[in-house]
Amino acid sequence: MPGGELPAGTCPDMCPAAERARREQERRLHRFEVAPGGRGDRPRADPQRAVKEYSRPAAGKARPPPSQLRPPRVLLATVRYLAGEVAERADATRAEVAGFVADRLRAVRLDLALQGADGAAAAAVLEAALATLLAVVARLGPDSARGPADPALLQAQVQEGFGSLRRCYAQGAGPHPRQAAFQGLFLLYNLGSVAALHEVLQLPAALRACPPLRTALAVDAAFRESNAARLFRLLRTLPYLQSCAVRCHVGRARREALARLARALSTSKGQTLPLNFMVHLLALDGPKEAQDLCQAHGLPLDGEEKVVFLRGRYTEEGLPPAGTCALLVGSKLGGRTLEEVVMAEEDDGVDRPNSPV
């Protein structure tokens, strides 16, 4: 339905007052939303911290009134708060942060949809929301438990975010200076997907020629060709958000590279490679991670400096280790906050701190 036929939101707060009161009454406030000192029998919502939670629209239920919907400027401020305050909390696990942020960002997308918001303002909100979600998901450790940070649910929400943003781009109400960067993020997150590659190749040639998309296409090609040396060389050069998007594929790429080495080098007596070579080739975070990776795949070590490729020893059990990815992801923040990265312009594929949206 065209945006002009739907009422624009008028709620000035991150969470409508009516919802805050209801969730206070029902004791459904998240601890991130509670006013200081309000942890007793009846915790009180802090209007500066409470954020509208996601509620699935029920069939036949009346559309929320404008007073319950946040306009794009409030939604953008909400995303900025989630990136700048909640995502950086030191008193919470990354799983708890990811679960909270993902739910609240889902509510942001729903508010936009219920208003029929489109154009540059809607794209700015969706871009910031998606960037924040990619970052908090990438920060999750490999041992994150199911529950508030269920990996399958988070993956579905990331794809949902890409879908909303790409539909907004397709409406053509621009300009969208960050489109090339986010179309590249879409391909990197779906690395190796034939459908994703096909969708990107249908984009206008001028857009595909932009540096972020050219780089994403090169990464995808190296991944498909199992060219580990080129792939990890490219991954080292990616900016932070692009590295967050591709992080979910790093473990699989490392396993495939290790399997190819095992097929090529394994003998009955065992050929060896220095662990430092493995660290460099696979962009690992140090010899200890190289040792762990090799041992997880059944490859013995010769002391602490070499991995031995013995015939019949290489194994694959379960999902490939995700690794810490400090080199490939975490180090690329470069002292910036997540909020600075999320709100930076990326029209040339480079994260710029302190740039206006």
Protein backbone atom coordinates (compact mmCIF):
# COMPACT_ATOMS: atom_id res chain seq x y z
CA MET A 1 0.00 0.00 0.00
CA PRO A 2 1.44 3.42 -0.88
CA GLY A 3 2.93 5.34 2.01
CA GLY A 4 0.49 8.28 1.55
CA GLU A 5 -2.49 6.09 2.44
CA LEU A 6 -1.11 5.14 5.84
CA PRO A 7 -0.91 7.40 8.90
CA ALA A 8 2.53 8.66 9.86
CA GLY A 9 3.77 7.82 13.34
CA THR A 10 3.78 10.54 15.99
CA CYS A 11 5.24 8.76 19.05
CA PRO A 12 8.19 10.86 20.32
CA ASP A 13 9.70 8.15 22.53
CA MET A 14 11.66 4.97 21.91
CA CYS A 15 8.80 3.13 23.63
CA PRO A 16 5.20 4.44 23.68
CA ALA A 17 4.03 5.50 27.14
CA ALA A 18 1.11 3.06 27.00
CA GLU A 19 3.44 0.13 26.37
CA ARG A 20 5.78 1.21 29.14
CA ALA A 21 2.88 1.32 31.61
CA ARG A 22 1.53 -2.05 30.45
CA ARG A 23 4.86 -3.80 30.69
CA GLU A 24 5.49 -2.26 34.10
CA GLN A 25 2.14 -3.67 35.25
CA GLU A 26 2.89 -7.08 33.76
CA ARG A 27 6.47 -7.06 35.06
CA ARG A 28 7.83 -7.58 31.54
CA LEU A 29 10.53 -4.94 31.53
CA HIS A 30 13.98 -6.05 30.49
CA ARG A 31 16.66 -5.12 32.99
CA PHE A 32 18.20 -2.82 30.36
CA GLU A 33 15.00 -0.73 30.52
CA VAL A 34 14.59 -0.35 34.27
CA ALA A 35 15.06 3.04 35.89
CA PRO A 36 18.05 3.29 38.26
CA GLY A 37 17.02 2.10 41.70
CA GLY A 38 13.89 0.48 40.31
CA ARG A 39 14.72 -3.15 40.92
CA GLY A 40 12.30 -3.76 43.77
CA ASP A 41 8.84 -5.33 43.79
CA ARG A 42 7.64 -3.07 40.97
CA PRO A 43 10.50 -2.02 38.68
CA ARG A 44 9.78 1.24 36.85
CA ALA A 45 10.50 1.83 33.20
CA ASP A 46 13.02 4.51 32.37
CA PRO A 47 11.67 6.52 29.39
CA GLN A 48 15.26 7.11 28.29
CA ARG A 49 16.04 3.37 28.26
CA ALA A 50 12.81 1.53 27.45
CA VAL A 51 12.55 0.46 23.82
CA LYS A 52 9.41 -0.78 22.09
CA GLU A 53 9.43 -4.60 21.93
CA TYR A 54 8.37 -6.61 18.91
CA SER A 55 4.78 -7.83 18.82
CA ARG A 56 3.60 -9.88 15.87
CA PRO A 57 0.62 -8.23 14.14
CA ALA A 58 -2.48 -10.37 14.69
CA ALA A 59 -4.81 -11.16 11.80
CA GLY A 60 -7.87 -8.96 11.91
CA LYS A 61 -6.42 -6.69 14.57
CA ALA A 62 -6.74 -2.96 14.02
CA ARG A 63 -3.64 -1.09 12.90
CA PRO A 64 -1.95 0.77 15.78
CA PRO A 65 -2.84 4.48 16.00
CA PRO A 66 -0.18 7.03 15.00
CA SER A 67 0.56 7.68 18.69
CA GLN A 68 1.87 4.11 18.98
CA LEU A 69 4.14 4.34 15.92
CA ARG A 70 7.52 6.05 15.91
CA PRO A 71 8.36 8.27 12.92
CA PRO A 72 11.63 7.62 11.04
CA ARG A 73 13.61 10.27 12.96
CA VAL A 74 12.67 8.62 16.29
CA LEU A 75 13.40 5.18 14.87
CA LEU A 76 16.85 6.33 13.78
CA ALA A 77 17.50 7.74 17.25
CA THR A 78 16.35 4.40 18.70
CA VAL A 79 18.80 2.46 16.55
CA ARG A 80 21.53 4.88 17.50
CA TYR A 81 20.77 4.28 21.18
CA LEU A 82 20.86 0.51 20.72
CA ALA A 83 24.22 0.73 18.93
CA GLY A 84 25.76 3.32 21.21
CA GLU A 85 24.48 2.27 24.61
CA VAL A 86 23.02 -1.24 24.72
CA ALA A 87 25.53 -2.93 22.38
CA GLU A 88 28.42 -1.56 24.45
CA ARG A 89 27.15 -2.66 27.88
CA ALA A 90 29.88 -4.21 29.99
CA ASP A 91 27.46 -5.71 32.55
CA ALA A 92 25.81 -8.16 30.15
CA THR A 93 26.79 -11.16 28.07
CA ARG A 94 26.96 -10.70 24.35
CA ALA A 95 24.16 -13.23 23.99
CA GLU A 96 21.87 -11.16 26.20
CA VAL A 97 22.74 -8.00 24.26
CA ALA A 98 22.16 -9.70 20.91
CA GLY A 99 18.77 -11.09 21.97
CA PHE A 100 17.56 -7.70 23.22
CA VAL A 101 18.90 -5.70 20.28
CA ALA A 102 17.54 -8.13 17.67
CA ASP A 103 14.03 -8.00 19.15
CA ARG A 104 13.99 -4.19 19.35
CA LEU A 105 15.32 -3.82 15.81
CA ARG A 106 12.58 -6.12 14.58
CA ALA A 107 10.08 -3.72 16.16
CA VAL A 108 11.82 -0.83 14.36
CA ARG A 109 11.30 -2.51 10.99
CA LEU A 110 7.67 -3.23 11.85
CA ASP A 111 6.99 0.41 12.75
CA LEU A 112 8.37 1.47 9.37
CA ALA A 113 6.23 -1.09 7.55
CA LEU A 114 3.03 -0.15 9.39
CA GLN A 115 3.50 3.47 8.26
CA GLY A 116 4.42 2.54 4.71
CA ALA A 117 7.57 4.62 5.20
CA ASP A 118 9.93 4.62 2.23
CA GLY A 119 12.54 6.79 0.57
CA ALA A 120 15.83 8.04 1.94
CA ALA A 121 14.61 8.41 5.53
CA ALA A 122 13.38 4.81 5.70
CA ALA A 123 16.56 3.52 4.03
CA ALA A 124 18.71 5.34 6.61
CA VAL A 125 16.82 3.62 9.43
CA LEU A 126 17.00 0.19 7.81
CA GLU A 127 20.71 0.58 7.02
CA ALA A 128 21.56 1.58 10.59
CA ALA A 129 19.41 -1.22 12.02
CA LEU A 130 21.00 -3.85 9.79
CA ALA A 131 24.53 -2.63 10.51
CA THR A 132 23.85 -2.80 14.26
CA LEU A 133 22.40 -6.31 14.01
CA LEU A 134 25.32 -7.59 11.91
CA ALA A 135 27.77 -6.25 14.49
CA VAL A 136 26.09 -7.68 17.60
CA VAL A 137 25.70 -11.06 15.89
CA ALA A 138 29.35 -11.07 14.81
CA ARG A 139 30.39 -10.38 18.41
CA LEU A 140 28.75 -13.55 19.66
CA GLY A 141 31.22 -16.19 20.76
CA PRO A 142 31.26 -19.66 19.20
CA ASP A 143 29.82 -21.14 22.40
CA SER A 144 26.74 -18.89 22.64
CA ALA A 145 23.88 -20.90 24.05
CA ARG A 146 20.51 -21.18 22.42
CA GLY A 147 17.87 -18.95 23.96
CA PRO A 148 18.03 -15.15 23.81
CA ALA A 149 20.68 -15.44 21.10
CA ASP A 150 19.43 -18.46 19.15
CA PRO A 151 21.73 -18.49 16.07
CA ALA A 152 18.97 -19.69 13.73
CA LEU A 153 16.59 -16.93 14.85
CA LEU A 154 19.29 -14.29 14.56
CA GLN A 155 20.20 -15.48 11.08
CA ALA A 156 16.54 -15.27 10.06
CA GLN A 157 16.32 -11.72 11.40
CA VAL A 158 19.45 -10.64 9.53
CA GLN A 159 17.93 -11.99 6.31
CA GLU A 160 14.69 -10.22 7.20
CA GLY A 161 16.66 -6.98 7.58
CA PHE A 162 18.30 -7.43 4.19
CA GLY A 163 14.92 -8.13 2.62
CA SER A 164 13.35 -4.95 4.04
CA LEU A 165 16.29 -2.80 2.97
CA ARG A 166 16.57 -4.21 -0.54
CA ARG A 167 12.82 -3.74 -1.09
CA CYS A 168 13.25 -0.13 0.01
CA TYR A 169 16.05 0.32 -2.54
CA ALA A 170 13.93 -1.30 -5.24
CA GLN A 171 11.23 1.36 -4.79
CA GLY A 172 13.69 3.79 -6.34
CA ALA A 173 13.02 6.75 -4.04
CA GLY A 174 16.59 7.85 -3.47
CA PRO A 175 19.32 8.79 -3.56
CA HIS A 176 20.81 6.02 -1.44
CA PRO A 177 24.55 6.74 -1.09
CA ARG A 178 25.14 3.58 0.97
CA GLN A 179 23.34 1.21 -1.40
CA ALA A 180 26.47 -0.27 -2.98
CA ALA A 181 27.97 -0.98 0.45
CA PHE A 182 24.81 -2.69 1.72
CA GLN A 183 24.26 -4.67 -1.48
CA GLY A 184 27.84 -5.85 -0.97
CA LEU A 185 27.04 -6.76 2.64
CA PHE A 186 24.11 -8.84 1.35
CA LEU A 187 26.41 -10.84 -0.92
CA LEU A 188 29.06 -11.27 1.78
CA TYR A 189 26.51 -12.51 4.31
CA ASN A 190 25.20 -14.99 1.73
CA LEU A 191 28.64 -15.99 0.44
CA GLY A 192 28.45 -18.89 -2.02
CA SER A 193 24.68 -18.55 -2.56
CA VAL A 194 23.72 -18.82 -6.22
CA ALA A 195 20.48 -16.93 -5.59
CA ALA A 196 22.27 -14.05 -3.85
CA LEU A 197 24.87 -13.78 -6.59
CA HIS A 198 22.13 -13.79 -9.24
CA GLU A 199 20.30 -10.95 -7.45
CA VAL A 200 23.45 -8.85 -7.22
CA LEU A 201 24.28 -9.42 -10.88
CA GLN A 202 20.84 -8.05 -11.80
CA LEU A 203 21.73 -4.67 -10.26
CA PRO A 204 22.59 -1.77 -12.60
CA ALA A 205 26.12 -1.87 -14.00
CA ALA A 206 26.97 1.51 -12.43
CA LEU A 207 26.11 0.13 -8.99
CA ARG A 208 28.08 -3.08 -9.54
CA ALA A 209 31.08 -0.98 -10.52
CA CYS A 210 31.25 0.66 -7.08
CA PRO A 211 34.23 -0.49 -4.96
CA PRO A 212 32.19 -2.20 -2.18
CA LEU A 213 30.32 -4.40 -4.66
CA ARG A 214 33.40 -5.14 -6.73
CA THR A 215 35.19 -6.29 -3.59
CA ALA A 216 32.22 -8.40 -2.45
CA LEU A 217 32.08 -10.08 -5.87
CA ALA A 218 35.82 -10.82 -5.68
CA VAL A 219 35.42 -12.37 -2.20
CA ASP A 220 32.50 -14.47 -3.44
CA ALA A 221 34.52 -15.69 -6.42
CA ALA A 222 37.50 -16.68 -4.24
CA PHE A 223 35.14 -18.49 -1.85
CA ARG A 224 33.49 -20.44 -4.70
CA GLU A 225 36.86 -21.38 -6.18
CA SER A 226 38.20 -22.50 -2.76
CA ASN A 227 41.17 -20.19 -3.32
CA ALA A 228 42.14 -19.84 0.33
CA ALA A 229 45.19 -17.65 -0.24
CA ARG A 230 43.22 -15.08 -2.22
CA LEU A 231 40.13 -15.33 -0.03
CA PHE A 232 41.89 -14.62 3.27
CA ARG A 233 44.04 -11.94 1.65
CA LEU A 234 40.82 -10.17 0.64
CA LEU A 235 39.20 -10.75 4.04
CA ARG A 236 42.10 -9.00 5.75
CA THR A 237 41.35 -5.83 3.74
CA LEU A 238 37.60 -5.62 4.40
CA PRO A 239 36.24 -2.79 6.58
CA TYR A 240 34.58 -3.63 9.87
CA LEU A 241 30.95 -4.04 8.80
CA GLN A 242 31.88 -6.14 5.78
CA SER A 243 33.98 -8.31 8.09
CA CYS A 244 31.00 -8.72 10.42
CA ALA A 245 28.86 -9.85 7.48
CA VAL A 246 31.32 -12.47 6.28
CA ARG A 247 32.31 -13.77 9.72
CA CYS A 248 29.77 -16.61 9.66
CA HIS A 249 31.60 -18.15 6.68
CA VAL A 250 35.15 -17.97 8.05
CA GLY A 251 35.02 -21.29 9.90
CA ARG A 252 33.77 -23.16 6.84
CA ALA A 253 36.40 -21.54 4.60
CA ARG A 254 39.18 -22.51 7.00
CA ARG A 255 37.92 -26.09 7.19
CA GLU A 256 37.79 -26.38 3.40
CA ALA A 257 41.32 -25.01 3.10
CA LEU A 258 42.59 -27.45 5.74
CA ALA A 259 40.85 -30.34 3.96
CA ARG A 260 42.50 -29.42 0.66
CA LEU A 261 45.90 -29.31 2.36
CA ALA A 262 45.24 -32.71 3.94
CA ARG A 263 44.34 -34.23 0.57
CA ALA A 264 47.44 -32.78 -1.07
CA LEU A 265 50.02 -33.40 1.65
CA SER A 266 48.97 -36.45 3.67
CA THR A 267 51.36 -39.40 3.44
CA SER A 268 52.00 -42.50 5.50
CA LYS A 269 55.08 -40.87 7.04
CA GLY A 270 53.49 -37.45 7.35
CA GLN A 271 54.50 -34.20 5.70
CA THR A 272 54.67 -31.11 7.87
CA LEU A 273 53.87 -27.42 7.61
CA PRO A 274 54.94 -24.72 10.07
CA LEU A 275 52.11 -23.48 12.28
CA ASN A 276 53.13 -19.93 11.45
CA PHE A 277 52.38 -20.67 7.80
CA MET A 278 48.91 -21.89 8.80
CA VAL A 279 48.38 -18.75 10.86
CA HIS A 280 49.22 -16.56 7.87
CA LEU A 281 47.36 -18.59 5.25
CA LEU A 282 44.10 -18.80 7.22
CA ALA A 283 44.33 -15.39 8.94
CA LEU A 284 44.21 -17.02 12.38
CA ASP A 285 44.75 -15.14 15.62
CA GLY A 286 48.00 -16.90 16.53
CA PRO A 287 49.73 -20.29 16.84
CA LYS A 288 47.42 -21.42 19.65
CA GLU A 289 44.37 -21.07 17.41
CA ALA A 290 46.23 -22.92 14.64
CA GLN A 291 47.02 -25.76 17.07
CA ASP A 292 43.38 -25.96 18.18
CA LEU A 293 42.11 -25.96 14.60
CA CYS A 294 44.45 -28.75 13.52
CA GLN A 295 43.74 -30.88 16.59
CA ALA A 296 39.99 -30.41 16.13
CA HIS A 297 40.42 -32.05 12.72
CA GLY A 298 42.57 -34.94 13.91
CA LEU A 299 45.92 -33.60 12.69
CA PRO A 300 48.79 -34.21 15.13
CA LEU A 301 51.46 -31.67 15.98
CA ASP A 302 55.23 -32.00 15.89
CA GLY A 303 56.11 -30.09 19.03
CA GLU A 304 54.57 -26.61 19.04
CA GLU A 305 55.78 -25.42 15.67
CA LYS A 306 54.53 -27.83 12.98
CA VAL A 307 51.37 -29.67 11.95
CA VAL A 308 51.78 -33.21 10.61
CA PHE A 309 49.64 -34.40 7.69
CA LEU A 310 49.32 -38.15 8.18
CA ARG A 311 47.21 -40.19 5.78
CA GLY A 312 43.82 -41.10 7.23
CA ARG A 313 44.05 -38.76 10.21
CA TYR A 314 42.07 -35.77 8.93
CA THR A 315 38.48 -35.77 10.26
CA GLU A 316 35.47 -33.47 10.30
CA GLU A 317 33.04 -33.65 13.19
CA GLY A 318 30.26 -31.18 13.83
CA LEU A 319 30.33 -27.57 12.74
CA PRO A 320 33.70 -26.02 11.89
CA PRO A 321 35.23 -23.96 14.73
CA ALA A 322 34.25 -20.31 14.27
CA GLY A 323 37.39 -18.98 15.93
CA THR A 324 37.76 -15.65 17.68
CA CYS A 325 38.34 -13.61 14.49
CA ALA A 326 40.13 -10.84 16.37
CA LEU A 327 42.34 -10.18 13.34
CA LEU A 328 39.62 -10.45 10.71
CA VAL A 329 36.86 -8.60 12.60
CA GLY A 330 37.49 -7.17 16.05
CA SER A 331 40.72 -5.33 15.27
CA LYS A 332 39.04 -3.35 12.50
CA LEU A 333 37.03 -1.15 14.84
CA GLY A 334 40.22 0.84 15.23
CA GLY A 335 39.21 2.53 18.45
CA ARG A 336 35.82 3.66 17.13
CA THR A 337 32.53 2.91 18.82
CA LEU A 338 29.93 0.76 17.14
CA GLU A 339 27.67 3.82 16.93
CA GLU A 340 30.30 5.68 14.91
CA VAL A 341 30.61 2.79 12.47
CA VAL A 342 26.84 2.29 12.15
CA MET A 343 26.18 5.95 11.44
CA ALA A 344 29.15 6.43 9.08
CA GLU A 345 28.77 6.94 5.36
CA GLU A 346 30.11 4.06 3.29
CA ASP A 347 29.57 5.29 -0.25
CA ASP A 348 33.15 4.31 -1.13
CA GLY A 349 33.25 1.18 1.05
CA VAL A 350 35.33 2.75 3.81
CA ASP A 351 33.89 3.20 7.28
CA ARG A 352 34.21 6.89 8.13
CA PRO A 353 33.77 7.90 11.77
CA ASN A 354 31.75 10.95 12.70
CA SER A 355 30.06 11.32 9.31
CA PRO A 356 26.40 12.32 9.09
CA VAL A 357 23.89 9.85 7.73
